[in-house]
Amino acid sequence: MKKGLFIAFEGIDGSGKSTQIELLHKRLHEAGEKVYRTCEPSSGPIGTQLRQILTGRMKADSRVIAALFAADRLDHLTNEVDGIVAKVEEGITVLSDRYYFSSYAYHSVDVPMDWVISLNEESRKLLKADLTIFIDVDTDTAMERISKNRFHQELFEKKSLLEKIRNNYQEVFQRFGDSENILTVDGKMSAEAISEVIWKQVNSL
């Protein structure tokens, strides 16, 4: 059986990841491919706890949040019901909203980057993305989009925080040595233009 692709979408909030995942999902489905969309946190027990933390219903510090995300990712990769590894092995193309550095990227401002990166090692050993799509957008554009469309914009009150996250992504990509596996796309282009760039790259895999 043909092995499926694992494609991860990364970028700061307001970069347009959700739109591009939707467009790629539609194009792959129309091309006759089996496609599965997922995101972090997962729907499992750890993911449920994380959603409570991220929505303010529970309190936790940055190190706890980062560690929970790492545990949730490992479960998401390997569990029998929704395991990403199993789906890829079955020939299903998996599209993931945040995987490489994960949704706890903004919390890493308060924890050592060495430690954050070490949390990713086990996941990388299990499954490395065939393609990581980093939609890069400047912080002014991101803040404008967040203020119009995001309910949790209070998480990103300062542009300096968004810029820190953006820089963290670049650092992770460099330190993992996977630059050849990362497609950086200008997030200020139109959604249609971005979709075309992504589609061309996916078709070359």
N, C-alpha and C. Protein backbone atom coordinates (compact mmCIF):
# COMPACT_ATOMS: atom_id res chain seq x y z
N MET A 1 0.84 -1.20 0.00
CA MET A 1 0.00 0.00 0.00
C MET A 1 0.88 1.25 0.00
N LYS A 2 0.48 2.24 -0.77
CA LYS A 2 1.21 3.50 -0.84
C LYS A 2 1.10 4.23 0.49
N LYS A 3 2.23 4.68 0.99
CA LYS A 3 2.25 5.41 2.25
C LYS A 3 1.72 6.82 2.04
N GLY A 4 0.93 7.29 3.00
CA GLY A 4 0.38 8.64 2.90
C GLY A 4 1.42 9.69 3.23
N LEU A 5 1.11 10.91 2.94
CA LEU A 5 1.98 12.04 3.27
C LEU A 5 1.58 12.62 4.62
N PHE A 6 2.56 13.18 5.30
CA PHE A 6 2.28 13.92 6.53
C PHE A 6 2.73 15.35 6.29
N ILE A 7 1.77 16.27 6.26
CA ILE A 7 2.05 17.67 5.95
C ILE A 7 1.65 18.54 7.13
N ALA A 8 2.61 19.30 7.64
CA ALA A 8 2.37 20.17 8.79
C ALA A 8 2.33 21.63 8.37
N PHE A 9 1.38 22.36 8.92
CA PHE A 9 1.27 23.80 8.69
C PHE A 9 1.68 24.54 9.95
N GLU A 10 2.59 25.50 9.79
CA GLU A 10 3.06 26.28 10.92
C GLU A 10 2.98 27.77 10.59
N GLY A 11 3.00 28.58 11.65
CA GLY A 11 2.97 30.03 11.46
C GLY A 11 2.30 30.68 12.66
N ILE A 12 2.57 31.96 12.85
CA ILE A 12 1.96 32.67 13.97
C ILE A 12 0.47 32.85 13.72
N ASP A 13 -0.27 33.10 14.78
CA ASP A 13 -1.70 33.34 14.61
C ASP A 13 -1.91 34.53 13.69
N GLY A 14 -2.88 34.40 12.81
CA GLY A 14 -3.13 35.44 11.82
C GLY A 14 -2.41 35.22 10.52
N SER A 15 -1.65 34.11 10.41
CA SER A 15 -0.89 33.86 9.18
C SER A 15 -1.75 33.26 8.07
N GLY A 16 -2.89 32.69 8.42
CA GLY A 16 -3.76 32.11 7.41
C GLY A 16 -3.67 30.61 7.26
N LYS A 17 -3.18 29.93 8.29
CA LYS A 17 -3.02 28.47 8.22
C LYS A 17 -4.35 27.76 7.97
N SER A 18 -5.37 28.13 8.72
CA SER A 18 -6.66 27.42 8.63
C SER A 18 -7.23 27.48 7.22
N THR A 19 -7.11 28.63 6.59
CA THR A 19 -7.61 28.79 5.22
C THR A 19 -6.86 27.87 4.27
N GLN A 20 -5.54 27.81 4.42
CA GLN A 20 -4.74 27.00 3.51
C GLN A 20 -4.93 25.51 3.74
N ILE A 21 -5.15 25.11 4.97
CA ILE A 21 -5.45 23.70 5.24
C ILE A 21 -6.76 23.33 4.56
N GLU A 22 -7.74 24.19 4.67
CA GLU A 22 -9.04 23.94 4.05
C GLU A 22 -8.91 23.82 2.53
N LEU A 23 -8.15 24.73 1.93
CA LEU A 23 -7.99 24.71 0.47
C LEU A 23 -7.23 23.47 0.00
N LEU A 24 -6.17 23.10 0.73
CA LEU A 24 -5.40 21.92 0.33
C LEU A 24 -6.23 20.65 0.54
N HIS A 25 -6.97 20.60 1.63
CA HIS A 25 -7.84 19.45 1.88
C HIS A 25 -8.81 19.26 0.72
N LYS A 26 -9.40 20.35 0.28
CA LYS A 26 -10.37 20.29 -0.82
C LYS A 26 -9.71 19.80 -2.11
N ARG A 27 -8.53 20.31 -2.40
CA ARG A 27 -7.85 19.94 -3.65
C ARG A 27 -7.42 18.48 -3.63
N LEU A 28 -6.91 18.03 -2.50
CA LEU A 28 -6.50 16.63 -2.38
C LEU A 28 -7.71 15.70 -2.49
N HIS A 29 -8.80 16.09 -1.84
CA HIS A 29 -10.02 15.28 -1.90
C HIS A 29 -10.54 15.19 -3.33
N GLU A 30 -10.54 16.31 -4.04
CA GLU A 30 -11.00 16.33 -5.43
C GLU A 30 -10.08 15.52 -6.33
N ALA A 31 -8.81 15.38 -5.92
CA ALA A 31 -7.85 14.59 -6.70
C ALA A 31 -7.95 13.10 -6.37
N GLY A 32 -8.89 12.76 -5.49
CA GLY A 32 -9.11 11.35 -5.16
C GLY A 32 -8.25 10.81 -4.03
N GLU A 33 -7.57 11.69 -3.30
CA GLU A 33 -6.73 11.25 -2.19
C GLU A 33 -7.55 11.11 -0.91
N LYS A 34 -7.16 10.17 -0.07
CA LYS A 34 -7.74 10.07 1.27
C LYS A 34 -7.02 11.08 2.16
N VAL A 35 -7.80 11.94 2.82
CA VAL A 35 -7.21 13.02 3.59
C VAL A 35 -7.80 13.06 5.00
N TYR A 36 -6.94 13.34 5.97
CA TYR A 36 -7.37 13.48 7.36
C TYR A 36 -6.80 14.77 7.91
N ARG A 37 -7.67 15.60 8.49
CA ARG A 37 -7.23 16.86 9.07
C ARG A 37 -7.18 16.73 10.59
N THR A 38 -6.17 17.33 11.18
CA THR A 38 -6.07 17.28 12.63
C THR A 38 -5.41 18.56 13.14
N CYS A 39 -5.46 18.76 14.43
CA CYS A 39 -4.83 19.93 15.02
C CYS A 39 -4.50 19.62 16.48
N GLU A 40 -3.72 20.47 17.07
CA GLU A 40 -3.40 20.34 18.47
C GLU A 40 -4.07 21.47 19.25
N PRO A 41 -4.52 21.23 20.48
CA PRO A 41 -4.53 19.97 21.20
C PRO A 41 -5.47 18.96 20.56
N SER A 42 -5.24 17.67 20.86
CA SER A 42 -6.08 16.62 20.32
C SER A 42 -7.39 16.54 21.11
N SER A 43 -8.24 15.61 20.72
CA SER A 43 -9.51 15.44 21.42
C SER A 43 -9.40 14.46 22.59
N GLY A 44 -8.19 13.98 22.86
CA GLY A 44 -7.97 13.04 23.96
C GLY A 44 -8.01 13.72 25.32
N PRO A 45 -7.80 12.96 26.39
CA PRO A 45 -7.89 13.52 27.75
C PRO A 45 -6.87 14.62 28.04
N ILE A 46 -5.65 14.46 27.54
CA ILE A 46 -4.64 15.50 27.76
C ILE A 46 -5.01 16.75 26.96
N GLY A 47 -5.45 16.53 25.73
CA GLY A 47 -5.85 17.66 24.90
C GLY A 47 -7.03 18.42 25.48
N THR A 48 -7.96 17.69 26.07
CA THR A 48 -9.11 18.33 26.72
C THR A 48 -8.66 19.21 27.87
N GLN A 49 -7.70 18.70 28.64
CA GLN A 49 -7.15 19.49 29.75
C GLN A 49 -6.45 20.74 29.23
N LEU A 50 -5.71 20.59 28.15
CA LEU A 50 -5.02 21.73 27.57
C LEU A 50 -5.99 22.80 27.09
N ARG A 51 -7.09 22.38 26.49
CA ARG A 51 -8.08 23.35 26.02
C ARG A 51 -8.67 24.14 27.18
N GLN A 52 -8.82 23.48 28.32
CA GLN A 52 -9.32 24.18 29.50
C GLN A 52 -8.30 25.22 29.98
N ILE A 53 -7.03 24.86 29.89
CA ILE A 53 -5.97 25.80 30.29
C ILE A 53 -5.92 26.99 29.34
N LEU A 54 -5.94 26.69 28.04
CA LEU A 54 -5.79 27.75 27.05
C LEU A 54 -7.00 28.68 26.98
N THR A 55 -8.14 28.22 27.46
CA THR A 55 -9.33 29.08 27.49
C THR A 55 -9.54 29.72 28.85
N GLY A 56 -8.58 29.52 29.77
CA GLY A 56 -8.64 30.19 31.05
C GLY A 56 -9.44 29.50 32.13
N ARG A 57 -9.99 28.32 31.84
CA ARG A 57 -10.79 27.62 32.85
C ARG A 57 -9.91 26.89 33.86
N MET A 58 -8.65 26.64 33.49
CA MET A 58 -7.68 26.06 34.41
C MET A 58 -6.40 26.90 34.34
N LYS A 59 -5.62 26.89 35.39
CA LYS A 59 -4.38 27.64 35.43
C LYS A 59 -3.18 26.70 35.42
N ALA A 60 -2.14 27.06 34.68
CA ALA A 60 -0.90 26.29 34.65
C ALA A 60 0.21 27.19 34.14
N ASP A 61 1.44 26.92 34.59
CA ASP A 61 2.54 27.75 34.11
C ASP A 61 3.07 27.21 32.78
N SER A 62 3.99 27.93 32.20
CA SER A 62 4.45 27.65 30.84
C SER A 62 5.10 26.28 30.72
N ARG A 63 5.87 25.88 31.72
CA ARG A 63 6.56 24.58 31.63
C ARG A 63 5.54 23.44 31.66
N VAL A 64 4.52 23.57 32.48
CA VAL A 64 3.48 22.54 32.53
C VAL A 64 2.75 22.46 31.18
N ILE A 65 2.42 23.61 30.62
CA ILE A 65 1.71 23.64 29.34
C ILE A 65 2.55 23.00 28.25
N ALA A 66 3.82 23.35 28.19
CA ALA A 66 4.70 22.80 27.17
C ALA A 66 4.83 21.28 27.31
N ALA A 67 4.97 20.81 28.54
CA ALA A 67 5.10 19.37 28.76
C ALA A 67 3.81 18.63 28.41
N LEU A 68 2.68 19.23 28.72
CA LEU A 68 1.39 18.62 28.38
C LEU A 68 1.22 18.52 26.87
N PHE A 69 1.64 19.55 26.16
CA PHE A 69 1.55 19.49 24.71
C PHE A 69 2.41 18.38 24.13
N ALA A 70 3.61 18.19 24.70
CA ALA A 70 4.48 17.13 24.22
C ALA A 70 3.84 15.76 24.46
N ALA A 71 3.23 15.58 25.63
CA ALA A 71 2.57 14.31 25.94
C ALA A 71 1.36 14.10 25.04
N ASP A 72 0.60 15.16 24.81
CA ASP A 72 -0.58 15.06 23.96
C ASP A 72 -0.19 14.70 22.53
N ARG A 73 0.90 15.26 22.06
CA ARG A 73 1.35 14.97 20.69
C ARG A 73 1.74 13.50 20.54
N LEU A 74 2.48 12.98 21.51
CA LEU A 74 2.88 11.57 21.44
C LEU A 74 1.66 10.65 21.41
N ASP A 75 0.66 10.98 22.24
CA ASP A 75 -0.56 10.19 22.24
C ASP A 75 -1.27 10.31 20.90
N HIS A 76 -1.30 11.51 20.37
CA HIS A 76 -1.96 11.76 19.09
C HIS A 76 -1.28 11.00 17.95
N LEU A 77 0.01 10.85 18.03
CA LEU A 77 0.75 10.12 17.01
C LEU A 77 0.48 8.62 17.06
N THR A 78 0.32 8.10 18.27
CA THR A 78 0.36 6.64 18.42
C THR A 78 -0.94 5.98 18.83
N ASN A 79 -1.96 6.73 19.25
CA ASN A 79 -3.14 6.06 19.77
C ASN A 79 -3.88 5.29 18.68
N GLU A 80 -4.61 4.27 19.09
CA GLU A 80 -5.21 3.32 18.15
C GLU A 80 -6.38 3.91 17.36
N VAL A 81 -7.08 4.88 17.93
CA VAL A 81 -8.28 5.41 17.28
C VAL A 81 -7.94 6.46 16.23
N ASP A 82 -7.19 7.49 16.64
CA ASP A 82 -6.89 8.60 15.74
C ASP A 82 -5.40 8.75 15.46
N GLY A 83 -4.62 7.71 15.71
CA GLY A 83 -3.18 7.83 15.59
C GLY A 83 -2.71 8.28 14.21
N ILE A 84 -1.93 9.35 14.19
CA ILE A 84 -1.47 9.91 12.93
C ILE A 84 -0.53 8.94 12.21
N VAL A 85 0.36 8.29 12.95
CA VAL A 85 1.30 7.35 12.34
C VAL A 85 0.55 6.25 11.61
N ALA A 86 -0.48 5.69 12.25
CA ALA A 86 -1.25 4.62 11.63
C ALA A 86 -1.95 5.09 10.37
N LYS A 87 -2.48 6.30 10.39
CA LYS A 87 -3.18 6.83 9.22
C LYS A 87 -2.23 6.99 8.04
N VAL A 88 -1.03 7.49 8.32
CA VAL A 88 -0.04 7.64 7.25
C VAL A 88 0.34 6.28 6.68
N GLU A 89 0.51 5.31 7.57
CA GLU A 89 0.85 3.96 7.12
C GLU A 89 -0.26 3.34 6.28
N GLU A 90 -1.50 3.74 6.54
CA GLU A 90 -2.65 3.23 5.78
C GLU A 90 -2.80 3.91 4.42
N GLY A 91 -1.95 4.90 4.13
CA GLY A 91 -2.03 5.58 2.85
C GLY A 91 -2.85 6.85 2.89
N ILE A 92 -3.18 7.32 4.08
CA ILE A 92 -3.96 8.54 4.23
C ILE A 92 -3.02 9.73 4.36
N THR A 93 -3.29 10.80 3.63
CA THR A 93 -2.52 12.02 3.77
C THR A 93 -3.06 12.81 4.94
N VAL A 94 -2.20 13.14 5.88
CA VAL A 94 -2.60 13.84 7.10
C VAL A 94 -2.14 15.29 7.02
N LEU A 95 -3.08 16.21 7.23
CA LEU A 95 -2.78 17.64 7.30
C LEU A 95 -2.90 18.08 8.75
N SER A 96 -1.84 18.64 9.30
CA SER A 96 -1.83 19.01 10.72
C SER A 96 -1.65 20.50 10.89
N ASP A 97 -2.54 21.12 11.65
CA ASP A 97 -2.41 22.52 12.02
C ASP A 97 -1.54 22.59 13.27
N ARG A 98 -0.32 22.98 13.10
CA ARG A 98 0.71 23.01 14.14
C ARG A 98 1.14 21.60 14.51
N TYR A 99 2.42 21.36 14.33
CA TYR A 99 2.98 20.06 14.73
C TYR A 99 4.44 20.22 15.15
N TYR A 100 5.20 20.82 14.26
CA TYR A 100 6.64 20.88 14.47
C TYR A 100 7.01 21.54 15.80
N PHE A 101 6.53 22.75 15.99
CA PHE A 101 6.86 23.49 17.19
C PHE A 101 5.67 23.53 18.14
N SER A 102 4.50 23.34 17.60
CA SER A 102 3.27 23.15 18.37
C SER A 102 2.65 24.44 18.86
N SER A 103 1.44 24.29 19.37
CA SER A 103 0.66 25.43 19.83
C SER A 103 1.25 26.08 21.07
N TYR A 104 2.20 25.43 21.74
CA TYR A 104 2.78 26.07 22.92
C TYR A 104 3.92 26.99 22.53
N ALA A 105 4.04 27.32 21.25
CA ALA A 105 5.14 28.18 20.81
C ALA A 105 5.18 29.49 21.58
N TYR A 106 4.03 30.10 21.80
CA TYR A 106 4.05 31.40 22.47
C TYR A 106 4.43 31.29 23.94
N HIS A 107 4.25 30.11 24.53
CA HIS A 107 4.64 29.94 25.92
C HIS A 107 6.16 29.77 26.06
N SER A 108 6.83 29.44 25.00
CA SER A 108 8.27 29.20 25.09
C SER A 108 9.04 30.49 25.37
N VAL A 109 8.35 31.61 25.30
CA VAL A 109 8.98 32.87 25.68
C VAL A 109 9.49 32.77 27.12
N ASP A 110 8.80 31.97 27.95
CA ASP A 110 9.12 31.90 29.37
C ASP A 110 9.85 30.63 29.78
N VAL A 111 10.20 29.79 28.81
CA VAL A 111 10.94 28.56 29.14
C VAL A 111 12.14 28.46 28.19
N PRO A 112 13.19 27.73 28.62
CA PRO A 112 14.39 27.63 27.77
C PRO A 112 14.12 26.94 26.44
N MET A 113 14.63 27.49 25.36
CA MET A 113 14.41 26.91 24.04
C MET A 113 15.02 25.52 23.95
N ASP A 114 16.17 25.30 24.59
CA ASP A 114 16.77 23.97 24.56
C ASP A 114 15.80 22.93 25.10
N TRP A 115 15.12 23.28 26.16
CA TRP A 115 14.17 22.36 26.78
C TRP A 115 12.95 22.15 25.89
N VAL A 116 12.45 23.22 25.31
CA VAL A 116 11.29 23.11 24.42
C VAL A 116 11.62 22.20 23.24
N ILE A 117 12.79 22.39 22.65
CA ILE A 117 13.20 21.58 21.50
C ILE A 117 13.36 20.11 21.91
N SER A 118 13.91 19.88 23.11
CA SER A 118 14.10 18.50 23.55
C SER A 118 12.77 17.76 23.68
N LEU A 119 11.70 18.49 23.99
CA LEU A 119 10.39 17.87 24.10
C LEU A 119 9.89 17.33 22.77
N ASN A 120 10.40 17.89 21.69
CA ASN A 120 9.97 17.48 20.36
C ASN A 120 10.69 16.24 19.83
N GLU A 121 11.78 15.85 20.48
CA GLU A 121 12.62 14.79 19.93
C GLU A 121 11.89 13.47 19.74
N GLU A 122 11.12 13.05 20.73
CA GLU A 122 10.43 11.76 20.64
C GLU A 122 9.43 11.75 19.49
N SER A 123 8.72 12.84 19.32
CA SER A 123 7.76 12.93 18.22
C SER A 123 8.46 12.86 16.87
N ARG A 124 9.58 13.54 16.77
CA ARG A 124 10.32 13.54 15.50
C ARG A 124 10.84 12.16 15.15
N LYS A 125 11.19 11.39 16.19
CA LYS A 125 11.66 10.02 15.94
C LYS A 125 10.53 9.15 15.40
N LEU A 126 9.31 9.41 15.86
CA LEU A 126 8.15 8.63 15.42
C LEU A 126 7.69 9.01 14.03
N LEU A 127 7.65 10.30 13.76
CA LEU A 127 7.13 10.75 12.47
C LEU A 127 7.64 12.15 12.16
N LYS A 128 8.40 12.24 11.09
CA LYS A 128 8.89 13.52 10.60
C LYS A 128 8.01 13.95 9.43
N ALA A 129 7.63 15.20 9.40
CA ALA A 129 6.76 15.68 8.33
C ALA A 129 7.45 15.54 6.97
N ASP A 130 6.69 15.08 5.97
CA ASP A 130 7.20 15.05 4.60
C ASP A 130 7.37 16.47 4.09
N LEU A 131 6.52 17.36 4.58
CA LEU A 131 6.59 18.77 4.19
C LEU A 131 6.05 19.61 5.33
N THR A 132 6.83 20.62 5.73
CA THR A 132 6.36 21.60 6.70
C THR A 132 6.16 22.91 5.96
N ILE A 133 4.93 23.41 6.00
CA ILE A 133 4.60 24.66 5.31
C ILE A 133 4.56 25.77 6.34
N PHE A 134 5.51 26.68 6.26
CA PHE A 134 5.58 27.81 7.19
C PHE A 134 5.05 29.04 6.47
N ILE A 135 3.87 29.47 6.87
CA ILE A 135 3.28 30.66 6.27
C ILE A 135 3.76 31.86 7.07
N ASP A 136 4.65 32.61 6.46
CA ASP A 136 5.33 33.71 7.14
C ASP A 136 4.60 35.02 6.88
N VAL A 137 4.25 35.70 7.95
CA VAL A 137 3.55 36.98 7.82
C VAL A 137 4.11 37.94 8.86
N ASP A 138 4.19 39.22 8.51
CA ASP A 138 4.73 40.19 9.45
C ASP A 138 3.73 40.43 10.58
N THR A 139 4.23 40.94 11.69
CA THR A 139 3.40 41.05 12.89
C THR A 139 2.28 42.08 12.74
N ASP A 140 2.50 43.14 11.96
CA ASP A 140 1.43 44.12 11.75
C ASP A 140 0.22 43.47 11.09
N THR A 141 0.49 42.69 10.04
CA THR A 141 -0.60 42.01 9.34
C THR A 141 -1.27 41.00 10.25
N ALA A 142 -0.47 40.25 11.02
CA ALA A 142 -1.02 39.25 11.93
C ALA A 142 -1.93 39.90 12.98
N MET A 143 -1.47 40.99 13.57
CA MET A 143 -2.27 41.67 14.60
C MET A 143 -3.57 42.19 14.01
N GLU A 144 -3.52 42.70 12.81
CA GLU A 144 -4.73 43.20 12.16
C GLU A 144 -5.74 42.07 11.95
N ARG A 145 -5.25 40.92 11.51
CA ARG A 145 -6.14 39.78 11.28
C ARG A 145 -6.68 39.22 12.59
N ILE A 146 -5.83 39.14 13.61
CA ILE A 146 -6.26 38.62 14.90
C ILE A 146 -7.34 39.50 15.51
N SER A 147 -7.16 40.82 15.42
CA SER A 147 -8.11 41.73 16.04
C SER A 147 -9.49 41.64 15.39
N LYS A 148 -9.53 41.19 14.15
CA LYS A 148 -10.80 41.08 13.44
C LYS A 148 -11.44 39.70 13.59
N ASN A 149 -10.61 38.68 13.72
CA ASN A 149 -11.13 37.32 13.58
C ASN A 149 -10.92 36.39 14.76
N ARG A 150 -10.08 36.72 15.71
CA ARG A 150 -9.73 35.76 16.75
C ARG A 150 -10.34 36.13 18.09
N PHE A 151 -10.97 35.15 18.76
CA PHE A 151 -11.62 35.40 20.04
C PHE A 151 -10.61 35.52 21.17
N HIS A 152 -9.40 34.98 21.00
CA HIS A 152 -8.42 35.00 22.09
C HIS A 152 -7.29 35.98 21.79
N GLN A 153 -7.65 37.10 21.19
CA GLN A 153 -6.63 38.06 20.81
C GLN A 153 -5.88 38.63 22.02
N GLU A 154 -6.48 38.50 23.24
CA GLU A 154 -5.79 39.01 24.42
C GLU A 154 -4.48 38.27 24.68
N LEU A 155 -4.31 37.07 24.09
CA LEU A 155 -3.05 36.34 24.25
C LEU A 155 -1.90 37.04 23.54
N PHE A 156 -2.24 37.86 22.58
CA PHE A 156 -1.21 38.47 21.73
C PHE A 156 -1.34 39.98 21.73
N GLU A 157 -1.34 40.57 22.93
CA GLU A 157 -1.53 42.00 23.03
C GLU A 157 -0.34 42.78 22.47
N LYS A 158 0.83 42.17 22.51
CA LYS A 158 2.04 42.87 22.09
C LYS A 158 2.60 42.26 20.81
N LYS A 159 2.92 43.09 19.86
CA LYS A 159 3.52 42.60 18.62
C LYS A 159 4.86 41.94 18.89
N SER A 160 5.54 42.39 19.95
CA SER A 160 6.84 41.80 20.28
C SER A 160 6.71 40.32 20.59
N LEU A 161 5.57 39.91 21.16
CA LEU A 161 5.35 38.50 21.46
C LEU A 161 5.19 37.70 20.18
N LEU A 162 4.43 38.23 19.24
CA LEU A 162 4.27 37.55 17.95
C LEU A 162 5.61 37.45 17.23
N GLU A 163 6.41 38.49 17.30
CA GLU A 163 7.72 38.46 16.64
C GLU A 163 8.63 37.43 17.29
N LYS A 164 8.53 37.29 18.62
CA LYS A 164 9.32 36.29 19.32
C LYS A 164 8.94 34.89 18.85
N ILE A 165 7.63 34.64 18.72
CA ILE A 165 7.17 33.33 18.24
C ILE A 165 7.69 33.08 16.83
N ARG A 166 7.59 34.08 15.99
CA ARG A 166 8.07 33.96 14.60
C ARG A 166 9.54 33.58 14.58
N ASN A 167 10.34 34.25 15.42
CA ASN A 167 11.76 33.95 15.49
C ASN A 167 12.01 32.55 16.07
N ASN A 168 11.17 32.14 17.02
CA ASN A 168 11.31 30.81 17.60
C ASN A 168 11.14 29.73 16.54
N TYR A 169 10.18 29.91 15.66
CA TYR A 169 9.99 28.94 14.58
C TYR A 169 11.26 28.82 13.74
N GLN A 170 11.81 29.95 13.36
CA GLN A 170 13.02 29.93 12.53
C GLN A 170 14.15 29.22 13.25
N GLU A 171 14.28 29.46 14.55
CA GLU A 171 15.34 28.81 15.32
C GLU A 171 15.15 27.30 15.36
N VAL A 172 13.91 26.86 15.57
CA VAL A 172 13.64 25.43 15.63
C VAL A 172 13.96 24.77 14.30
N PHE A 173 13.54 25.39 13.20
CA PHE A 173 13.82 24.83 11.88
C PHE A 173 15.32 24.67 11.66
N GLN A 174 16.08 25.69 12.04
CA GLN A 174 17.53 25.64 11.84
C GLN A 174 18.18 24.58 12.72
N ARG A 175 17.76 24.52 13.97
CA ARG A 175 18.40 23.60 14.90
C ARG A 175 18.06 22.14 14.62
N PHE A 176 16.90 21.90 14.06
CA PHE A 176 16.55 20.54 13.68
C PHE A 176 17.17 20.16 12.34
N GLY A 177 17.73 21.13 11.62
CA GLY A 177 18.41 20.84 10.37
C GLY A 177 17.51 20.35 9.27
N ASP A 178 16.25 20.81 9.27
CA ASP A 178 15.30 20.34 8.28
C ASP A 178 14.91 21.42 7.27
N SER A 179 15.82 22.32 7.00
CA SER A 179 15.48 23.44 6.12
C SER A 179 15.06 22.97 4.73
N GLU A 180 15.60 21.82 4.28
CA GLU A 180 15.24 21.33 2.94
C GLU A 180 13.81 20.80 2.90
N ASN A 181 13.24 20.62 4.07
CA ASN A 181 11.91 20.04 4.19
C ASN A 181 10.83 21.09 4.48
N ILE A 182 11.23 22.36 4.47
CA ILE A 182 10.32 23.43 4.88
C ILE A 182 10.06 24.37 3.71
N LEU A 183 8.80 24.58 3.42
CA LEU A 183 8.38 25.53 2.40
C LEU A 183 7.91 26.79 3.11
N THR A 184 8.64 27.88 2.92
CA THR A 184 8.24 29.17 3.50
C THR A 184 7.48 29.95 2.45
N VAL A 185 6.27 30.38 2.80
CA VAL A 185 5.40 31.08 1.86
C VAL A 185 5.08 32.46 2.41
N ASP A 186 5.09 33.45 1.55
CA ASP A 186 4.75 34.82 1.93
C ASP A 186 3.27 34.89 2.28
N GLY A 187 2.97 35.08 3.56
CA GLY A 187 1.59 35.09 4.02
C GLY A 187 0.80 36.32 3.64
N LYS A 188 1.46 37.32 3.03
CA LYS A 188 0.73 38.53 2.62
C LYS A 188 0.19 38.41 1.21
N MET A 189 0.55 37.33 0.51
CA MET A 189 -0.05 37.11 -0.81
C MET A 189 -1.51 36.75 -0.63
N SER A 190 -2.26 36.75 -1.72
CA SER A 190 -3.66 36.36 -1.63
C SER A 190 -3.75 34.88 -1.26
N ALA A 191 -4.89 34.50 -0.67
CA ALA A 191 -5.09 33.11 -0.29
C ALA A 191 -4.97 32.19 -1.49
N GLU A 192 -5.47 32.65 -2.63
CA GLU A 192 -5.42 31.84 -3.86
C GLU A 192 -3.98 31.64 -4.33
N ALA A 193 -3.18 32.71 -4.25
CA ALA A 193 -1.78 32.62 -4.68
C ALA A 193 -0.98 31.69 -3.76
N ILE A 194 -1.23 31.79 -2.46
CA ILE A 194 -0.56 30.91 -1.50
C ILE A 194 -0.93 29.46 -1.78
N SER A 195 -2.21 29.23 -2.04
CA SER A 195 -2.69 27.87 -2.32
C SER A 195 -2.00 27.27 -3.53
N GLU A 196 -1.76 28.08 -4.55
CA GLU A 196 -1.10 27.59 -5.76
C GLU A 196 0.34 27.18 -5.47
N VAL A 197 1.05 27.98 -4.66
CA VAL A 197 2.43 27.66 -4.30
C VAL A 197 2.46 26.34 -3.53
N ILE A 198 1.56 26.18 -2.58
CA ILE A 198 1.51 24.97 -1.77
C ILE A 198 1.17 23.76 -2.64
N TRP A 199 0.18 23.90 -3.51
CA TRP A 199 -0.25 22.80 -4.36
C TRP A 199 0.87 22.30 -5.28
N LYS A 200 1.62 23.24 -5.81
CA LYS A 200 2.75 22.88 -6.67
C LYS A 200 3.78 22.07 -5.89
N GLN A 201 4.06 22.49 -4.64
CA GLN A 201 5.05 21.77 -3.83
C GLN A 201 4.54 20.39 -3.43
N VAL A 202 3.29 20.31 -3.05
CA VAL A 202 2.72 19.01 -2.66
C VAL A 202 2.74 18.03 -3.83
N ASN A 203 2.43 18.52 -5.01
CA ASN A 203 2.43 17.66 -6.20
C ASN A 203 3.82 17.14 -6.54
N SER A 204 4.86 17.82 -6.05
CA SER A 204 6.23 17.39 -6.38
C SER A 204 6.73 16.32 -5.41
N LEU A 205 5.97 16.04 -4.36
CA LEU A 205 6.41 15.05 -3.37
C LEU A 205 6.28 13.64 -3.90
